[in-house]
Amino acid sequence: MANLQLIPGLSAGADISANQFEAVRQGAADLEVRAITVNTQIPIGILQNNPNAAGQGAEVAGPGSTCKARLGGTVTRGDLLTVDGDGELVTATAGTDTTRYVIAQALQSGVDQDVVMVLVGFPARAA
């Protein structure tokens, strides 16, 4: 069951309805979030709703949340997770993914496109 610690006051910077359950990043404006487009961008949290226009409220699960997240590959429960170039979560490889950020830990195992429960953390380099 989800335990959401939503980051208050966030809104979509564009239509991000296709990014529900994916990591999002800060946008150009204050309190704005946008889709992840490059795997080295810093994720702010995991989008839980599907705002379909700029200015709509974005429910983003932040640090301390247990929430749903979409996988971009095979993940084993306990893995530390980073993002791929689409904001989907993938297993971080320590010592290799040094330009990427860990955003969560898998609470369930799954494969590409599965939606599983994760524990969201504060983004940190995957060194």
N, C-alpha and C. Protein backbone atom coordinates (compact mmCIF):
# COMPACT_ATOMS: atom_id res chain seq x y z
N MET A 1 0.84 -1.18 0.00
CA MET A 1 0.00 0.00 0.00
C MET A 1 0.89 1.25 0.00
N ALA A 2 0.48 2.24 -0.74
CA ALA A 2 1.25 3.47 -0.86
C ALA A 2 1.20 4.30 0.42
N ASN A 3 2.30 4.96 0.70
CA ASN A 3 2.40 5.94 1.78
C ASN A 3 3.05 7.16 1.16
N LEU A 4 2.22 8.06 0.63
CA LEU A 4 2.73 9.17 -0.16
C LEU A 4 3.12 10.36 0.70
N GLN A 5 4.31 10.86 0.44
CA GLN A 5 4.79 12.13 0.98
C GLN A 5 4.89 13.05 -0.23
N LEU A 6 3.75 13.66 -0.60
CA LEU A 6 3.72 14.48 -1.81
C LEU A 6 4.48 15.79 -1.61
N ILE A 7 5.20 16.21 -2.65
CA ILE A 7 5.89 17.49 -2.62
C ILE A 7 4.83 18.55 -2.93
N PRO A 8 4.56 19.45 -1.98
CA PRO A 8 3.44 20.40 -2.16
C PRO A 8 3.70 21.47 -3.21
N GLY A 9 2.62 21.89 -3.87
CA GLY A 9 2.63 23.05 -4.75
C GLY A 9 3.18 22.85 -6.14
N LEU A 10 3.42 21.62 -6.57
CA LEU A 10 4.01 21.40 -7.89
C LEU A 10 2.95 21.38 -8.98
N SER A 11 3.34 21.85 -10.16
CA SER A 11 2.45 21.77 -11.32
C SER A 11 3.25 21.31 -12.54
N ALA A 12 2.53 20.80 -13.51
CA ALA A 12 3.15 20.31 -14.74
C ALA A 12 3.60 21.48 -15.59
N GLY A 13 4.76 21.34 -16.23
CA GLY A 13 5.24 22.36 -17.15
C GLY A 13 4.78 22.11 -18.58
N ALA A 14 4.13 20.97 -18.78
CA ALA A 14 3.64 20.55 -20.10
C ALA A 14 2.72 19.36 -19.87
N ASP A 15 2.19 18.79 -20.92
CA ASP A 15 1.40 17.56 -20.82
C ASP A 15 2.35 16.43 -20.43
N ILE A 16 2.21 15.92 -19.21
CA ILE A 16 3.03 14.80 -18.75
C ILE A 16 2.13 13.61 -18.36
N SER A 17 0.97 13.57 -18.98
CA SER A 17 0.01 12.51 -18.65
C SER A 17 0.55 11.12 -18.99
N ALA A 18 1.43 11.02 -19.97
CA ALA A 18 2.00 9.72 -20.34
C ALA A 18 3.11 9.28 -19.39
N ASN A 19 3.46 10.13 -18.42
CA ASN A 19 4.58 9.85 -17.52
C ASN A 19 4.15 9.44 -16.12
N GLN A 20 2.87 9.09 -15.95
CA GLN A 20 2.41 8.64 -14.64
C GLN A 20 3.25 7.46 -14.18
N PHE A 21 3.66 7.48 -12.92
CA PHE A 21 4.49 6.46 -12.26
C PHE A 21 5.95 6.48 -12.73
N GLU A 22 6.37 7.55 -13.39
CA GLU A 22 7.76 7.72 -13.80
C GLU A 22 8.38 8.87 -13.02
N ALA A 23 9.70 8.89 -12.97
CA ALA A 23 10.41 9.98 -12.32
C ALA A 23 10.26 11.26 -13.14
N VAL A 24 10.20 12.37 -12.44
CA VAL A 24 10.13 13.68 -13.09
C VAL A 24 11.24 14.56 -12.52
N ARG A 25 11.51 15.65 -13.23
CA ARG A 25 12.57 16.58 -12.84
C ARG A 25 11.98 17.98 -12.68
N GLN A 26 12.75 18.86 -12.08
CA GLN A 26 12.30 20.25 -11.98
C GLN A 26 12.32 20.88 -13.37
N GLY A 27 11.35 21.76 -13.61
CA GLY A 27 11.27 22.47 -14.88
C GLY A 27 11.99 23.80 -14.81
N ALA A 28 11.77 24.64 -15.81
CA ALA A 28 12.43 25.94 -15.90
C ALA A 28 11.86 26.96 -14.92
N ALA A 29 10.59 26.80 -14.56
CA ALA A 29 9.94 27.74 -13.65
C ALA A 29 9.88 27.17 -12.24
N ASP A 30 9.71 28.03 -11.27
CA ASP A 30 9.57 27.59 -9.88
C ASP A 30 8.39 26.64 -9.75
N LEU A 31 8.57 25.58 -8.97
CA LEU A 31 7.53 24.61 -8.64
C LEU A 31 6.93 23.90 -9.86
N GLU A 32 7.68 23.85 -10.94
CA GLU A 32 7.25 23.18 -12.16
C GLU A 32 8.01 21.87 -12.32
N VAL A 33 7.31 20.82 -12.79
CA VAL A 33 7.98 19.55 -13.09
C VAL A 33 7.75 19.19 -14.55
N ARG A 34 8.73 18.47 -15.08
CA ARG A 34 8.70 18.01 -16.47
C ARG A 34 9.19 16.58 -16.54
N ALA A 35 8.95 15.96 -17.67
CA ALA A 35 9.39 14.58 -17.89
C ALA A 35 10.92 14.52 -17.96
N ILE A 36 11.46 13.40 -17.53
CA ILE A 36 12.89 13.11 -17.69
C ILE A 36 13.12 12.78 -19.17
N THR A 37 14.14 13.39 -19.77
CA THR A 37 14.43 13.14 -21.18
C THR A 37 15.85 12.61 -21.40
N VAL A 38 16.68 12.69 -20.36
CA VAL A 38 18.07 12.22 -20.42
C VAL A 38 18.37 11.54 -19.09
N ASN A 39 19.06 10.41 -19.12
CA ASN A 39 19.26 9.64 -17.89
C ASN A 39 20.17 10.30 -16.86
N THR A 40 20.81 11.43 -17.20
CA THR A 40 21.66 12.14 -16.24
C THR A 40 20.95 13.30 -15.55
N GLN A 41 19.67 13.54 -15.89
CA GLN A 41 18.92 14.61 -15.23
C GLN A 41 18.61 14.20 -13.80
N ILE A 42 18.49 15.19 -12.91
CA ILE A 42 18.25 14.92 -11.50
C ILE A 42 16.74 14.76 -11.27
N PRO A 43 16.30 13.57 -10.88
CA PRO A 43 14.88 13.38 -10.59
C PRO A 43 14.51 14.02 -9.27
N ILE A 44 13.29 14.57 -9.21
CA ILE A 44 12.82 15.18 -7.97
C ILE A 44 11.91 14.20 -7.20
N GLY A 45 11.26 13.29 -7.92
CA GLY A 45 10.35 12.32 -7.31
C GLY A 45 9.64 11.53 -8.39
N ILE A 46 8.58 10.81 -7.97
CA ILE A 46 7.83 9.93 -8.88
C ILE A 46 6.42 10.48 -9.06
N LEU A 47 6.03 10.75 -10.31
CA LEU A 47 4.72 11.30 -10.63
C LEU A 47 3.63 10.26 -10.38
N GLN A 48 2.61 10.62 -9.59
CA GLN A 48 1.54 9.68 -9.24
C GLN A 48 0.23 9.95 -9.99
N ASN A 49 0.06 11.12 -10.54
CA ASN A 49 -1.16 11.40 -11.31
C ASN A 49 -0.78 11.64 -12.77
N ASN A 50 -1.71 12.14 -13.57
CA ASN A 50 -1.44 12.30 -15.00
C ASN A 50 -1.92 13.65 -15.54
N PRO A 51 -1.27 14.74 -15.12
CA PRO A 51 -1.68 16.06 -15.62
C PRO A 51 -1.46 16.17 -17.13
N ASN A 52 -2.51 16.61 -17.84
CA ASN A 52 -2.43 16.62 -19.31
C ASN A 52 -2.27 18.01 -19.91
N ALA A 53 -1.87 18.99 -19.10
CA ALA A 53 -1.62 20.33 -19.61
C ALA A 53 -0.74 21.10 -18.63
N ALA A 54 0.00 22.06 -19.16
CA ALA A 54 0.82 22.91 -18.32
C ALA A 54 -0.06 23.61 -17.29
N GLY A 55 0.44 23.73 -16.07
CA GLY A 55 -0.29 24.41 -15.01
C GLY A 55 -1.15 23.51 -14.16
N GLN A 56 -1.43 22.29 -14.61
CA GLN A 56 -2.22 21.37 -13.79
C GLN A 56 -1.38 20.84 -12.65
N GLY A 57 -2.04 20.55 -11.52
CA GLY A 57 -1.34 20.04 -10.35
C GLY A 57 -0.65 18.73 -10.63
N ALA A 58 0.58 18.61 -10.12
CA ALA A 58 1.36 17.38 -10.28
C ALA A 58 1.56 16.76 -8.90
N GLU A 59 1.07 15.54 -8.72
CA GLU A 59 1.24 14.82 -7.47
C GLU A 59 2.53 14.01 -7.56
N VAL A 60 3.57 14.52 -6.93
CA VAL A 60 4.90 13.91 -7.01
C VAL A 60 5.28 13.34 -5.65
N ALA A 61 5.49 12.03 -5.61
CA ALA A 61 5.92 11.36 -4.38
C ALA A 61 7.39 11.67 -4.15
N GLY A 62 7.68 12.26 -2.99
CA GLY A 62 9.05 12.65 -2.67
C GLY A 62 9.70 11.70 -1.68
N PRO A 63 10.85 12.08 -1.16
CA PRO A 63 11.59 11.23 -0.23
C PRO A 63 10.74 10.74 0.94
N GLY A 64 10.88 9.46 1.24
CA GLY A 64 10.12 8.85 2.33
C GLY A 64 8.83 8.19 1.88
N SER A 65 8.45 8.40 0.63
CA SER A 65 7.22 7.81 0.10
C SER A 65 7.44 6.34 -0.27
N THR A 66 6.41 5.54 -0.10
CA THR A 66 6.33 4.25 -0.78
C THR A 66 5.24 4.45 -1.82
N CYS A 67 5.56 4.19 -3.08
CA CYS A 67 4.63 4.50 -4.16
C CYS A 67 4.84 3.58 -5.35
N LYS A 68 3.95 3.72 -6.33
CA LYS A 68 4.06 2.98 -7.57
C LYS A 68 5.06 3.66 -8.49
N ALA A 69 5.83 2.82 -9.22
CA ALA A 69 6.78 3.34 -10.21
C ALA A 69 6.90 2.36 -11.37
N ARG A 70 7.09 2.91 -12.57
CA ARG A 70 7.21 2.09 -13.79
C ARG A 70 8.67 1.72 -14.02
N LEU A 71 8.89 0.46 -14.34
CA LEU A 71 10.25 -0.03 -14.58
C LEU A 71 10.62 0.06 -16.06
N GLY A 72 11.90 0.27 -16.30
CA GLY A 72 12.42 0.32 -17.66
C GLY A 72 13.30 -0.88 -17.97
N GLY A 73 13.30 -1.88 -17.10
CA GLY A 73 14.09 -3.08 -17.29
C GLY A 73 13.84 -4.05 -16.14
N THR A 74 14.59 -5.13 -16.10
CA THR A 74 14.44 -6.12 -15.04
C THR A 74 15.05 -5.59 -13.75
N VAL A 75 14.26 -5.66 -12.67
CA VAL A 75 14.67 -5.16 -11.36
C VAL A 75 14.37 -6.23 -10.32
N THR A 76 15.26 -6.36 -9.36
CA THR A 76 15.07 -7.28 -8.24
C THR A 76 14.81 -6.47 -6.98
N ARG A 77 13.86 -6.92 -6.17
CA ARG A 77 13.56 -6.19 -4.94
C ARG A 77 14.86 -5.97 -4.17
N GLY A 78 15.01 -4.77 -3.64
CA GLY A 78 16.23 -4.38 -2.93
C GLY A 78 17.19 -3.58 -3.79
N ASP A 79 17.04 -3.65 -5.13
CA ASP A 79 17.93 -2.88 -6.01
C ASP A 79 17.75 -1.38 -5.78
N LEU A 80 18.88 -0.67 -5.87
CA LEU A 80 18.82 0.79 -5.92
C LEU A 80 18.49 1.17 -7.35
N LEU A 81 17.63 2.17 -7.51
CA LEU A 81 17.09 2.50 -8.83
C LEU A 81 17.46 3.90 -9.28
N THR A 82 17.81 4.00 -10.54
CA THR A 82 18.07 5.27 -11.20
C THR A 82 17.07 5.37 -12.36
N VAL A 83 17.22 6.38 -13.20
CA VAL A 83 16.27 6.55 -14.31
C VAL A 83 16.93 6.27 -15.65
N ASP A 84 16.11 5.82 -16.60
CA ASP A 84 16.59 5.74 -17.98
C ASP A 84 16.22 7.06 -18.66
N GLY A 85 16.43 7.18 -19.94
CA GLY A 85 16.16 8.42 -20.65
C GLY A 85 14.69 8.76 -20.81
N ASP A 86 13.80 7.89 -20.31
CA ASP A 86 12.36 8.14 -20.37
C ASP A 86 11.75 8.34 -18.99
N GLY A 87 12.56 8.34 -17.93
CA GLY A 87 12.04 8.51 -16.59
C GLY A 87 11.61 7.22 -15.93
N GLU A 88 11.72 6.10 -16.64
CA GLU A 88 11.41 4.81 -16.04
C GLU A 88 12.58 4.39 -15.16
N LEU A 89 12.29 3.58 -14.14
CA LEU A 89 13.32 3.20 -13.19
C LEU A 89 14.03 1.93 -13.60
N VAL A 90 15.35 1.96 -13.47
CA VAL A 90 16.22 0.83 -13.80
C VAL A 90 17.23 0.66 -12.67
N THR A 91 17.82 -0.53 -12.59
CA THR A 91 18.81 -0.81 -11.57
C THR A 91 20.06 0.03 -11.78
N ALA A 92 20.53 0.67 -10.70
CA ALA A 92 21.77 1.44 -10.75
C ALA A 92 22.95 0.49 -10.62
N THR A 93 24.00 0.74 -11.37
CA THR A 93 25.22 -0.06 -11.31
C THR A 93 26.29 0.75 -10.60
N ALA A 94 26.60 0.38 -9.35
CA ALA A 94 27.60 1.11 -8.57
C ALA A 94 28.93 1.12 -9.29
N GLY A 95 29.59 2.28 -9.31
CA GLY A 95 30.89 2.42 -9.95
C GLY A 95 30.82 2.66 -11.44
N THR A 96 29.67 2.43 -12.06
CA THR A 96 29.51 2.62 -13.50
C THR A 96 28.61 3.81 -13.80
N ASP A 97 27.49 3.89 -13.11
CA ASP A 97 26.50 4.95 -13.36
C ASP A 97 26.84 6.22 -12.57
N THR A 98 28.08 6.68 -12.66
CA THR A 98 28.53 7.79 -11.82
C THR A 98 27.94 9.15 -12.20
N THR A 99 27.33 9.27 -13.37
CA THR A 99 26.71 10.53 -13.78
C THR A 99 25.20 10.49 -13.60
N ARG A 100 24.69 9.42 -13.01
CA ARG A 100 23.25 9.25 -12.83
C ARG A 100 22.90 9.35 -11.35
N TYR A 101 21.61 9.48 -11.06
CA TYR A 101 21.14 9.67 -9.69
C TYR A 101 20.24 8.54 -9.25
N VAL A 102 20.51 7.99 -8.08
CA VAL A 102 19.62 7.01 -7.46
C VAL A 102 18.46 7.79 -6.89
N ILE A 103 17.22 7.35 -7.16
CA ILE A 103 16.03 8.02 -6.67
C ILE A 103 15.17 7.12 -5.78
N ALA A 104 15.38 5.79 -5.85
CA ALA A 104 14.50 4.89 -5.09
C ALA A 104 15.17 3.54 -4.87
N GLN A 105 14.50 2.72 -4.03
CA GLN A 105 14.88 1.33 -3.84
C GLN A 105 13.66 0.47 -4.14
N ALA A 106 13.86 -0.60 -4.89
CA ALA A 106 12.75 -1.48 -5.26
C ALA A 106 12.25 -2.27 -4.06
N LEU A 107 10.94 -2.26 -3.84
CA LEU A 107 10.31 -3.07 -2.81
C LEU A 107 9.73 -4.35 -3.40
N GLN A 108 9.63 -4.38 -4.73
CA GLN A 108 9.14 -5.54 -5.45
C GLN A 108 10.02 -5.77 -6.68
N SER A 109 10.08 -7.00 -7.12
CA SER A 109 10.79 -7.34 -8.36
C SER A 109 9.85 -7.16 -9.54
N GLY A 110 10.41 -6.93 -10.73
CA GLY A 110 9.59 -6.80 -11.92
C GLY A 110 10.45 -6.70 -13.16
N VAL A 111 9.78 -6.56 -14.29
CA VAL A 111 10.45 -6.46 -15.59
C VAL A 111 9.98 -5.20 -16.30
N ASP A 112 10.57 -4.93 -17.45
CA ASP A 112 10.27 -3.74 -18.24
C ASP A 112 8.77 -3.50 -18.36
N GLN A 113 8.35 -2.28 -18.02
CA GLN A 113 6.97 -1.77 -18.09
C GLN A 113 6.08 -2.20 -16.92
N ASP A 114 6.57 -3.05 -16.01
CA ASP A 114 5.81 -3.35 -14.80
C ASP A 114 5.73 -2.10 -13.93
N VAL A 115 4.65 -1.98 -13.18
CA VAL A 115 4.50 -0.93 -12.17
C VAL A 115 4.60 -1.63 -10.82
N VAL A 116 5.62 -1.26 -10.05
CA VAL A 116 5.90 -1.91 -8.77
C VAL A 116 6.00 -0.86 -7.67
N MET A 117 6.02 -1.32 -6.44
CA MET A 117 6.18 -0.43 -5.29
C MET A 117 7.67 -0.17 -5.05
N VAL A 118 7.98 1.10 -4.77
CA VAL A 118 9.35 1.51 -4.47
C VAL A 118 9.35 2.41 -3.24
N LEU A 119 10.51 2.55 -2.62
CA LEU A 119 10.72 3.50 -1.55
C LEU A 119 11.54 4.64 -2.14
N VAL A 120 10.96 5.85 -2.16
CA VAL A 120 11.62 7.01 -2.76
C VAL A 120 12.62 7.60 -1.77
N GLY A 121 13.80 7.91 -2.27
CA GLY A 121 14.82 8.55 -1.45
C GLY A 121 15.18 9.91 -2.02
N PHE A 122 16.11 10.58 -1.34
CA PHE A 122 16.61 11.84 -1.84
C PHE A 122 17.59 11.53 -2.97
N PRO A 123 17.50 12.19 -4.13
CA PRO A 123 18.38 11.85 -5.25
C PRO A 123 19.86 12.03 -4.87
N ALA A 124 20.65 11.00 -5.18
CA ALA A 124 22.08 11.03 -4.88
C ALA A 124 22.83 10.33 -6.02
N ARG A 125 24.04 10.77 -6.30
CA ARG A 125 24.84 10.16 -7.36
C ARG A 125 25.01 8.68 -7.12
N ALA A 126 24.96 7.91 -8.19
CA ALA A 126 25.09 6.44 -8.11
C ALA A 126 26.55 6.05 -8.24
N ALA A 127 27.41 6.60 -7.41
CA ALA A 127 28.86 6.32 -7.50
C ALA A 127 29.23 5.02 -6.85
